[in-house]
N, C-alpha and C. Protein backbone atom coordinates (compact mmCIF):
# COMPACT_ATOMS: atom_id res chain seq x y z
N UNK A 1 0.83 -1.20 0.00
CA UNK A 1 0.00 0.00 0.00
C UNK A 1 0.87 1.25 0.00
N UNK A 2 1.94 1.22 0.80
CA UNK A 2 2.83 2.39 0.88
C UNK A 2 3.46 2.67 -0.48
N UNK A 3 3.85 1.61 -1.19
CA UNK A 3 4.48 1.80 -2.50
C UNK A 3 3.51 2.46 -3.48
N UNK A 4 2.25 2.05 -3.43
CA UNK A 4 1.23 2.64 -4.29
C UNK A 4 1.06 4.12 -4.00
N UNK A 5 1.03 4.49 -2.71
CA UNK A 5 0.92 5.90 -2.33
C UNK A 5 2.16 6.67 -2.77
N UNK A 6 3.35 6.07 -2.60
CA UNK A 6 4.60 6.72 -3.02
C UNK A 6 4.60 6.98 -4.52
N UNK A 7 4.16 6.01 -5.31
CA UNK A 7 4.09 6.19 -6.76
C UNK A 7 3.13 7.32 -7.12
N UNK A 8 1.98 7.36 -6.46
CA UNK A 8 0.99 8.41 -6.72
C UNK A 8 1.56 9.77 -6.34
N UNK A 9 2.24 9.84 -5.19
CA UNK A 9 2.83 11.10 -4.75
C UNK A 9 3.91 11.55 -5.74
N UNK A 10 4.75 10.62 -6.21
CA UNK A 10 5.79 10.97 -7.20
C UNK A 10 5.16 11.51 -8.47
N UNK A 11 4.08 10.89 -8.93
CA UNK A 11 3.40 11.34 -10.15
C UNK A 11 2.87 12.76 -9.96
N UNK A 12 2.23 13.01 -8.81
CA UNK A 12 1.67 14.33 -8.52
C UNK A 12 2.78 15.36 -8.43
N UNK A 13 3.88 15.01 -7.75
CA UNK A 13 5.00 15.94 -7.58
C UNK A 13 5.62 16.30 -8.93
N UNK A 14 5.78 15.33 -9.81
CA UNK A 14 6.34 15.61 -11.14
C UNK A 14 5.42 16.54 -11.93
N UNK A 15 4.11 16.34 -11.83
CA UNK A 15 3.16 17.20 -12.53
C UNK A 15 3.24 18.63 -11.99
N UNK A 16 3.31 18.76 -10.65
CA UNK A 16 3.41 20.09 -10.05
C UNK A 16 4.72 20.76 -10.44
N UNK A 17 5.81 20.01 -10.42
CA UNK A 17 7.12 20.58 -10.76
C UNK A 17 7.15 21.08 -12.19
N UNK A 18 6.59 20.31 -13.11
CA UNK A 18 6.59 20.75 -14.51
C UNK A 18 5.75 22.00 -14.69
N UNK A 19 4.69 22.13 -13.90
CA UNK A 19 3.86 23.34 -13.98
C UNK A 19 4.65 24.56 -13.57
N UNK A 20 5.48 24.44 -12.53
CA UNK A 20 6.27 25.58 -12.09
C UNK A 20 7.37 25.91 -13.10
N UNK A 21 7.91 24.90 -13.78
CA UNK A 21 8.92 25.16 -14.80
C UNK A 21 8.29 25.92 -15.98
N UNK A 22 7.07 25.54 -16.34
CA UNK A 22 6.36 26.22 -17.42
C UNK A 22 6.06 27.67 -17.05
N UNK A 23 5.94 27.96 -15.78
CA UNK A 23 5.60 29.30 -15.33
C UNK A 23 6.68 30.31 -15.70
N UNK A 24 7.95 29.89 -15.72
CA UNK A 24 9.03 30.78 -16.16
C UNK A 24 8.78 31.26 -17.58
N UNK A 25 8.31 30.37 -18.44
CA UNK A 25 8.02 30.74 -19.82
C UNK A 25 6.89 31.77 -19.89
N UNK A 26 5.93 31.67 -19.01
CA UNK A 26 4.81 32.62 -18.97
C UNK A 26 5.34 34.02 -18.70
N UNK A 27 6.24 34.15 -17.72
CA UNK A 27 6.78 35.46 -17.38
C UNK A 27 7.60 36.03 -18.54
N UNK A 28 8.41 35.18 -19.18
CA UNK A 28 9.22 35.65 -20.31
C UNK A 28 8.33 36.11 -21.46
N UNK A 29 7.28 35.34 -21.77
CA UNK A 29 6.37 35.72 -22.85
C UNK A 29 5.65 37.02 -22.53
N UNK A 30 5.30 37.20 -21.27
CA UNK A 30 4.62 38.42 -20.85
C UNK A 30 5.52 39.64 -21.08
N UNK A 31 6.81 39.50 -20.76
CA UNK A 31 7.75 40.61 -20.96
C UNK A 31 7.93 40.90 -22.44
N UNK A 32 8.07 39.86 -23.27
CA UNK A 32 8.30 40.03 -24.71
C UNK A 32 7.10 40.66 -25.40
N UNK A 33 5.89 40.27 -24.98
CA UNK A 33 4.69 40.75 -25.66
C UNK A 33 4.31 42.16 -25.22
N UNK A 34 5.01 42.70 -24.22
CA UNK A 34 4.68 44.04 -23.75
C UNK A 34 3.32 44.09 -23.09
N UNK A 35 2.94 43.01 -22.43
CA UNK A 35 1.63 42.93 -21.77
C UNK A 35 1.43 44.08 -20.79
N UNK A 36 0.22 44.62 -20.77
CA UNK A 36 -0.08 45.71 -19.84
C UNK A 36 -0.56 45.18 -18.49
N UNK A 37 -0.65 43.86 -18.36
CA UNK A 37 -1.03 43.26 -17.09
C UNK A 37 0.23 43.09 -16.25
N UNK A 38 0.23 43.67 -15.07
CA UNK A 38 1.40 43.60 -14.21
C UNK A 38 1.11 42.69 -13.03
N UNK A 39 2.18 42.20 -12.41
CA UNK A 39 2.10 41.27 -11.29
C UNK A 39 1.43 41.87 -10.08
N UNK A 40 1.41 41.18 -9.01
CA UNK A 40 2.17 39.95 -8.89
C UNK A 40 1.47 38.79 -9.60
N UNK A 41 2.29 37.93 -10.19
CA UNK A 41 1.79 36.71 -10.80
C UNK A 41 2.04 35.60 -9.79
N UNK A 42 1.06 34.76 -9.58
CA UNK A 42 1.28 33.64 -8.68
C UNK A 42 0.46 32.45 -9.13
N UNK A 43 0.95 31.28 -8.79
CA UNK A 43 0.32 30.03 -9.16
C UNK A 43 0.80 28.98 -8.18
N UNK A 44 -0.08 28.11 -7.77
CA UNK A 44 0.35 27.06 -6.86
C UNK A 44 -0.68 25.99 -6.67
N UNK A 45 -0.33 25.08 -5.82
CA UNK A 45 -1.20 23.96 -5.46
C UNK A 45 -1.36 23.93 -3.95
N UNK A 46 -2.52 23.53 -3.50
CA UNK A 46 -2.68 23.21 -2.08
C UNK A 46 -3.06 21.73 -2.03
N UNK A 47 -2.52 21.05 -1.04
CA UNK A 47 -2.78 19.61 -0.92
C UNK A 47 -3.28 19.32 0.48
N UNK A 48 -4.44 18.69 0.55
CA UNK A 48 -5.01 18.27 1.82
C UNK A 48 -5.40 16.80 1.70
N UNK A 49 -5.77 16.21 2.79
CA UNK A 49 -6.23 14.82 2.78
C UNK A 49 -7.74 14.84 2.92
N UNK A 50 -8.42 14.19 1.99
CA UNK A 50 -9.88 14.14 2.00
C UNK A 50 -10.41 13.20 3.07
N UNK A 51 -11.73 13.19 3.23
CA UNK A 51 -12.36 12.33 4.23
C UNK A 51 -12.11 10.85 3.97
N UNK A 52 -11.88 10.52 2.69
CA UNK A 52 -11.62 9.13 2.33
C UNK A 52 -10.16 8.75 2.49
N UNK A 53 -9.32 9.69 2.97
CA UNK A 53 -7.90 9.42 3.19
C UNK A 53 -7.04 9.62 1.96
N UNK A 54 -7.63 10.02 0.84
CA UNK A 54 -6.88 10.25 -0.39
C UNK A 54 -6.49 11.71 -0.49
N UNK A 55 -5.36 12.00 -1.16
CA UNK A 55 -4.96 13.41 -1.30
C UNK A 55 -5.92 14.18 -2.20
N UNK A 56 -6.19 15.44 -1.82
CA UNK A 56 -7.02 16.34 -2.62
C UNK A 56 -6.13 17.51 -3.01
N UNK A 57 -5.94 17.69 -4.31
CA UNK A 57 -5.04 18.74 -4.80
C UNK A 57 -5.85 19.77 -5.55
N UNK A 58 -5.63 21.05 -5.19
CA UNK A 58 -6.33 22.15 -5.85
C UNK A 58 -5.30 23.14 -6.38
N UNK A 59 -5.58 23.67 -7.56
CA UNK A 59 -4.75 24.73 -8.13
C UNK A 59 -5.30 26.08 -7.69
N UNK A 60 -4.42 27.08 -7.57
CA UNK A 60 -4.88 28.43 -7.30
C UNK A 60 -3.90 29.40 -7.95
N UNK A 61 -4.34 30.62 -8.14
CA UNK A 61 -3.48 31.66 -8.67
C UNK A 61 -4.15 32.45 -9.77
N UNK A 62 -3.46 33.50 -10.23
CA UNK A 62 -4.02 34.32 -11.29
C UNK A 62 -3.38 34.03 -12.64
N UNK A 63 -2.53 33.03 -12.69
CA UNK A 63 -1.88 32.63 -13.94
C UNK A 63 -1.77 31.12 -13.92
N UNK A 64 -2.08 30.48 -15.01
CA UNK A 64 -1.93 29.03 -15.09
C UNK A 64 -0.83 28.74 -16.09
N UNK A 65 -0.05 27.68 -15.88
CA UNK A 65 1.04 27.37 -16.80
C UNK A 65 0.55 27.30 -18.24
N UNK A 66 1.32 27.88 -19.14
CA UNK A 66 0.97 27.88 -20.55
C UNK A 66 0.05 29.01 -20.96
N UNK A 67 -0.44 29.79 -20.02
CA UNK A 67 -1.34 30.90 -20.34
C UNK A 67 -0.78 32.20 -19.80
N UNK A 68 -0.90 33.23 -20.58
CA UNK A 68 -0.54 34.55 -20.07
C UNK A 68 -1.66 35.06 -19.19
N UNK A 69 -1.37 35.95 -18.27
CA UNK A 69 -2.44 36.48 -17.43
C UNK A 69 -3.53 37.10 -18.29
N UNK A 70 -4.78 36.73 -18.00
CA UNK A 70 -5.87 37.20 -18.83
C UNK A 70 -6.71 38.27 -18.14
N UNK A 71 -6.45 38.48 -16.87
CA UNK A 71 -7.22 39.50 -16.19
C UNK A 71 -6.38 40.09 -15.06
N UNK A 72 -6.85 41.19 -14.55
CA UNK A 72 -6.14 41.82 -13.46
C UNK A 72 -6.62 41.33 -12.11
N UNK A 73 -7.63 40.46 -12.10
CA UNK A 73 -8.14 39.96 -10.82
C UNK A 73 -7.36 38.72 -10.40
N UNK A 74 -7.35 38.49 -9.11
CA UNK A 74 -6.68 37.34 -8.54
C UNK A 74 -7.72 36.35 -8.07
N UNK A 75 -7.34 35.10 -8.04
CA UNK A 75 -8.23 34.07 -7.51
C UNK A 75 -7.87 33.86 -6.05
N UNK A 76 -8.84 34.07 -5.14
CA UNK A 76 -8.51 33.86 -3.73
C UNK A 76 -8.26 32.39 -3.44
N UNK A 77 -7.41 32.12 -2.46
CA UNK A 77 -7.20 30.76 -2.01
C UNK A 77 -8.43 30.37 -1.18
N UNK A 78 -9.13 29.34 -1.61
CA UNK A 78 -10.39 28.94 -0.96
C UNK A 78 -10.24 27.52 -0.45
N UNK A 79 -10.65 27.30 0.80
CA UNK A 79 -10.58 25.98 1.40
C UNK A 79 -11.95 25.64 1.98
N UNK A 80 -12.28 24.37 1.98
CA UNK A 80 -13.56 23.90 2.53
C UNK A 80 -13.30 22.94 3.68
N UNK A 81 -14.04 23.13 4.78
CA UNK A 81 -13.88 22.28 5.96
C UNK A 81 -15.26 21.78 6.39
N UNK A 82 -15.38 20.48 6.56
CA UNK A 82 -16.63 19.87 7.04
C UNK A 82 -16.48 19.62 8.54
N UNK A 83 -17.46 20.07 9.32
CA UNK A 83 -17.49 19.80 10.76
C UNK A 83 -18.65 18.84 11.00
N UNK A 84 -18.31 17.56 11.14
CA UNK A 84 -19.35 16.52 11.33
C UNK A 84 -20.10 16.73 12.64
N UNK A 85 -19.40 17.18 13.68
CA UNK A 85 -20.03 17.36 14.98
C UNK A 85 -21.08 18.48 14.93
N UNK A 86 -20.71 19.62 14.33
CA UNK A 86 -21.63 20.76 14.22
C UNK A 86 -22.55 20.65 13.01
N UNK A 87 -22.26 19.69 12.12
CA UNK A 87 -23.01 19.50 10.88
C UNK A 87 -23.00 20.76 10.02
N UNK A 88 -21.77 21.28 9.77
CA UNK A 88 -21.61 22.49 8.97
C UNK A 88 -20.51 22.30 7.93
N UNK A 89 -20.60 23.12 6.90
CA UNK A 89 -19.56 23.25 5.89
C UNK A 89 -19.04 24.68 6.01
N UNK A 90 -17.73 24.83 6.17
CA UNK A 90 -17.13 26.15 6.27
C UNK A 90 -16.24 26.37 5.05
N UNK A 91 -16.52 27.45 4.30
CA UNK A 91 -15.66 27.87 3.20
C UNK A 91 -14.84 29.05 3.69
N UNK A 92 -13.53 28.99 3.48
CA UNK A 92 -12.63 30.05 3.92
C UNK A 92 -11.90 30.57 2.69
N UNK A 93 -11.98 31.89 2.46
CA UNK A 93 -11.31 32.52 1.32
C UNK A 93 -10.36 33.60 1.82
N UNK A 94 -9.12 33.56 1.36
CA UNK A 94 -8.13 34.56 1.75
C UNK A 94 -8.14 35.68 0.71
N UNK A 95 -8.48 36.90 1.15
CA UNK A 95 -8.55 38.06 0.26
C UNK A 95 -8.03 39.30 0.99
N UNK A 96 -6.72 39.38 1.21
CA UNK A 96 -6.18 40.54 1.92
C UNK A 96 -6.28 41.81 1.08
N UNK A 97 -6.42 42.94 1.76
CA UNK A 97 -6.39 44.23 1.08
C UNK A 97 -7.73 44.77 0.65
N UNK A 98 -8.82 44.06 0.95
CA UNK A 98 -10.14 44.58 0.64
C UNK A 98 -10.90 44.79 1.94
N UNK A 99 -12.01 45.50 1.86
CA UNK A 99 -12.84 45.74 3.03
C UNK A 99 -14.15 44.97 2.89
N UNK A 100 -14.83 44.80 4.01
CA UNK A 100 -16.07 44.04 4.04
C UNK A 100 -17.08 44.56 3.02
N UNK A 101 -17.20 45.89 2.88
CA UNK A 101 -18.18 46.48 1.97
C UNK A 101 -17.84 46.23 0.49
N UNK A 102 -16.59 45.80 0.20
CA UNK A 102 -16.15 45.56 -1.17
C UNK A 102 -16.46 44.15 -1.66
N UNK A 103 -16.97 43.30 -0.78
CA UNK A 103 -17.12 41.87 -1.09
C UNK A 103 -18.55 41.56 -1.52
N UNK A 104 -18.65 40.77 -2.60
CA UNK A 104 -19.94 40.28 -3.08
C UNK A 104 -19.88 38.75 -3.10
N UNK A 105 -20.83 38.10 -2.42
CA UNK A 105 -20.91 36.65 -2.39
C UNK A 105 -22.28 36.24 -2.89
N UNK A 106 -22.31 35.36 -3.89
CA UNK A 106 -23.57 34.86 -4.44
C UNK A 106 -23.53 33.33 -4.42
N UNK A 107 -24.53 32.73 -3.80
CA UNK A 107 -24.67 31.27 -3.80
C UNK A 107 -25.66 30.92 -4.89
N UNK A 108 -25.18 30.16 -5.87
CA UNK A 108 -26.02 29.80 -7.01
C UNK A 108 -25.90 28.30 -7.25
N UNK A 109 -26.94 27.58 -6.89
CA UNK A 109 -26.91 26.13 -7.06
C UNK A 109 -25.83 25.51 -6.19
N UNK A 110 -24.89 24.83 -6.82
CA UNK A 110 -23.79 24.15 -6.12
C UNK A 110 -22.49 24.94 -6.21
N UNK A 111 -22.58 26.26 -6.44
CA UNK A 111 -21.39 27.10 -6.58
C UNK A 111 -21.53 28.38 -5.77
N UNK A 112 -20.42 28.80 -5.15
CA UNK A 112 -20.36 30.08 -4.47
C UNK A 112 -19.46 30.99 -5.29
N UNK A 113 -20.00 32.13 -5.74
CA UNK A 113 -19.24 33.11 -6.51
C UNK A 113 -18.78 34.21 -5.56
N UNK A 114 -17.48 34.49 -5.56
CA UNK A 114 -16.90 35.50 -4.68
C UNK A 114 -16.21 36.55 -5.53
N UNK A 115 -16.59 37.82 -5.33
CA UNK A 115 -15.95 38.94 -6.01
C UNK A 115 -15.65 40.02 -4.99
N UNK A 116 -14.50 40.68 -5.16
CA UNK A 116 -14.14 41.79 -4.28
C UNK A 116 -13.19 42.71 -5.03
N UNK A 117 -13.35 44.01 -4.79
CA UNK A 117 -12.47 44.99 -5.44
C UNK A 117 -12.30 46.19 -4.52
N UNK A 118 -11.04 46.54 -4.28
CA UNK A 118 -10.71 47.72 -3.48
C UNK A 118 -9.41 48.30 -4.03
N UNK A 119 -9.53 49.40 -4.76
CA UNK A 119 -8.34 49.99 -5.38
C UNK A 119 -7.71 49.04 -6.37
N UNK A 120 -6.43 48.74 -6.15
CA UNK A 120 -5.69 47.82 -7.03
C UNK A 120 -5.99 46.35 -6.76
N UNK A 121 -6.57 46.05 -5.62
CA UNK A 121 -6.85 44.66 -5.24
C UNK A 121 -8.18 44.22 -5.84
N UNK A 122 -8.13 43.17 -6.66
CA UNK A 122 -9.34 42.61 -7.28
C UNK A 122 -9.28 41.10 -7.15
N UNK A 123 -10.37 40.53 -6.67
CA UNK A 123 -10.45 39.09 -6.50
C UNK A 123 -11.71 38.57 -7.19
N UNK A 124 -11.57 37.38 -7.78
CA UNK A 124 -12.73 36.70 -8.36
C UNK A 124 -12.47 35.20 -8.21
N UNK A 125 -13.44 34.50 -7.67
CA UNK A 125 -13.29 33.05 -7.53
C UNK A 125 -14.63 32.37 -7.43
N UNK A 126 -14.64 31.10 -7.80
CA UNK A 126 -15.83 30.26 -7.70
C UNK A 126 -15.46 29.03 -6.90
N UNK A 127 -16.28 28.69 -5.92
CA UNK A 127 -16.03 27.51 -5.09
C UNK A 127 -17.18 26.54 -5.26
N UNK A 128 -16.90 25.33 -5.72
CA UNK A 128 -17.97 24.33 -5.83
C UNK A 128 -18.34 23.82 -4.44
N UNK A 129 -19.62 23.54 -4.26
CA UNK A 129 -20.11 22.95 -3.02
C UNK A 129 -20.39 21.48 -3.32
N UNK A 130 -19.67 20.60 -2.67
CA UNK A 130 -19.78 19.17 -2.97
C UNK A 130 -20.66 18.42 -1.98
N UNK A 131 -21.36 19.16 -1.10
CA UNK A 131 -22.23 18.54 -0.11
C UNK A 131 -23.61 19.19 -0.22
N UNK A 132 -24.60 18.50 0.30
CA UNK A 132 -25.94 19.06 0.34
C UNK A 132 -26.02 20.04 1.50
N UNK A 133 -26.24 21.32 1.18
CA UNK A 133 -26.30 22.36 2.21
C UNK A 133 -27.60 23.13 2.10
N UNK A 134 -27.95 23.78 3.19
CA UNK A 134 -29.11 24.67 3.23
C UNK A 134 -28.62 26.05 2.81
N UNK A 135 -28.93 26.47 1.58
CA UNK A 135 -28.45 27.76 1.06
C UNK A 135 -28.91 28.94 1.91
N UNK A 136 -30.07 28.82 2.54
CA UNK A 136 -30.61 29.91 3.35
C UNK A 136 -29.91 30.03 4.71
N UNK A 137 -29.10 29.05 5.07
CA UNK A 137 -28.47 29.05 6.39
C UNK A 137 -27.11 29.75 6.41
N UNK A 138 -26.62 30.17 5.26
CA UNK A 138 -25.25 30.69 5.19
C UNK A 138 -25.08 31.98 6.00
N UNK A 139 -23.97 32.02 6.73
CA UNK A 139 -23.57 33.21 7.47
C UNK A 139 -22.13 33.51 7.07
N UNK A 140 -21.85 34.79 6.76
CA UNK A 140 -20.51 35.16 6.31
C UNK A 140 -19.93 36.24 7.22
N UNK A 141 -18.62 36.10 7.50
CA UNK A 141 -17.89 37.11 8.26
C UNK A 141 -16.57 37.39 7.54
N UNK A 142 -16.06 38.61 7.70
CA UNK A 142 -14.78 38.98 7.09
C UNK A 142 -13.94 39.70 8.13
N UNK A 143 -12.78 39.13 8.44
CA UNK A 143 -11.88 39.70 9.43
C UNK A 143 -10.44 39.51 8.98
N UNK A 144 -9.67 40.60 8.98
CA UNK A 144 -8.23 40.55 8.69
C UNK A 144 -7.90 39.78 7.40
N UNK A 145 -8.66 40.03 6.33
CA UNK A 145 -8.37 39.42 5.04
C UNK A 145 -8.92 38.03 4.85
N UNK A 146 -9.66 37.51 5.82
CA UNK A 146 -10.20 36.15 5.75
C UNK A 146 -11.73 36.21 5.73
N UNK A 147 -12.31 35.68 4.65
CA UNK A 147 -13.76 35.57 4.52
C UNK A 147 -14.16 34.16 4.92
N UNK A 148 -15.06 34.04 5.90
CA UNK A 148 -15.56 32.73 6.32
C UNK A 148 -17.05 32.65 6.06
N UNK A 149 -17.48 31.60 5.39
CA UNK A 149 -18.89 31.35 5.13
C UNK A 149 -19.23 30.00 5.74
N UNK A 150 -20.28 29.95 6.56
CA UNK A 150 -20.67 28.71 7.22
C UNK A 150 -22.07 28.33 6.75
N UNK A 151 -22.19 27.11 6.22
CA UNK A 151 -23.46 26.56 5.76
C UNK A 151 -23.84 25.41 6.68
N UNK A 152 -25.14 25.25 6.95
CA UNK A 152 -25.61 24.07 7.65
C UNK A 152 -25.78 22.95 6.62
N UNK A 153 -25.31 21.77 6.98
CA UNK A 153 -25.48 20.61 6.09
C UNK A 153 -26.91 20.12 6.19
N UNK A 154 -27.47 19.72 5.05
CA UNK A 154 -28.80 19.12 5.07
C UNK A 154 -28.66 17.70 5.61
N UNK A 155 -29.65 17.32 6.40
CA UNK A 155 -29.63 15.98 6.97
C UNK A 155 -29.84 14.96 5.85
N UNK A 156 -28.96 13.99 5.80
CA UNK A 156 -29.05 12.96 4.78
C UNK A 156 -30.02 11.87 5.25
N UNK A 157 -31.12 11.76 4.55
CA UNK A 157 -32.09 10.72 4.90
C UNK A 157 -31.71 9.46 4.14
N UNK A 158 -31.81 8.33 4.80
CA UNK A 158 -31.46 7.08 4.11
C UNK A 158 -32.38 6.86 2.91
N UNK A 159 -31.77 6.43 1.82
CA UNK A 159 -32.56 6.15 0.64
C UNK A 159 -33.07 4.72 0.71
N UNK A 160 -34.15 4.50 0.06
CA UNK A 160 -34.73 3.17 0.06
C UNK A 160 -35.88 3.06 1.03
N UNK A 161 -36.40 1.86 1.14
CA UNK A 161 -37.58 1.62 1.99
C UNK A 161 -37.24 0.48 2.94
N UNK A 162 -37.65 0.68 4.19
CA UNK A 162 -37.47 -0.38 5.18
C UNK A 162 -38.58 -1.40 4.97
N UNK A 163 -38.18 -2.64 4.93
CA UNK A 163 -39.14 -3.72 4.69
C UNK A 163 -39.30 -4.50 5.98
N UNK A 164 -40.57 -4.69 6.38
CA UNK A 164 -40.86 -5.49 7.57
C UNK A 164 -40.78 -6.96 7.22
N UNK A 165 -40.06 -7.68 8.06
CA UNK A 165 -39.90 -9.13 7.81
C UNK A 165 -40.90 -9.87 8.71
N UNK A 166 -41.73 -10.72 8.09
CA UNK A 166 -42.74 -11.50 8.83
C UNK A 166 -42.23 -12.86 9.17
């Protein structure tokens, strides 16, 4: 089992490393083309362990390998945390440099759209919701560059029918 995990980790690490090597080309192309979009340019991965024990890897940043920056907005780093005891889903978005009044959050179906703009700081991101939540229960707070949204999880009713045995 350990060897299988090591092979998977090596594969993921090689993919991430090649993405960062490609990023150098993005910066060089941006300089050559005289792009009017200025940095900071950033790109990365976050890796967490899912509930099933498997690694969950997410990309973030305002530039993706092989693409020149297409907008002046940044994608906030967004993380999701399930609290089984409290039966809640917490979405956390890092957006330093903006104020509470600058933030717009829209919950639409299974996606949360986050936009914020304050002077030079512009953020735009979409976070998928992978659990059944009560959209009307969401509460959001913003403190020191951190936006927290808490949703109540919908109670999962067992599917199927109980059959009485005679």
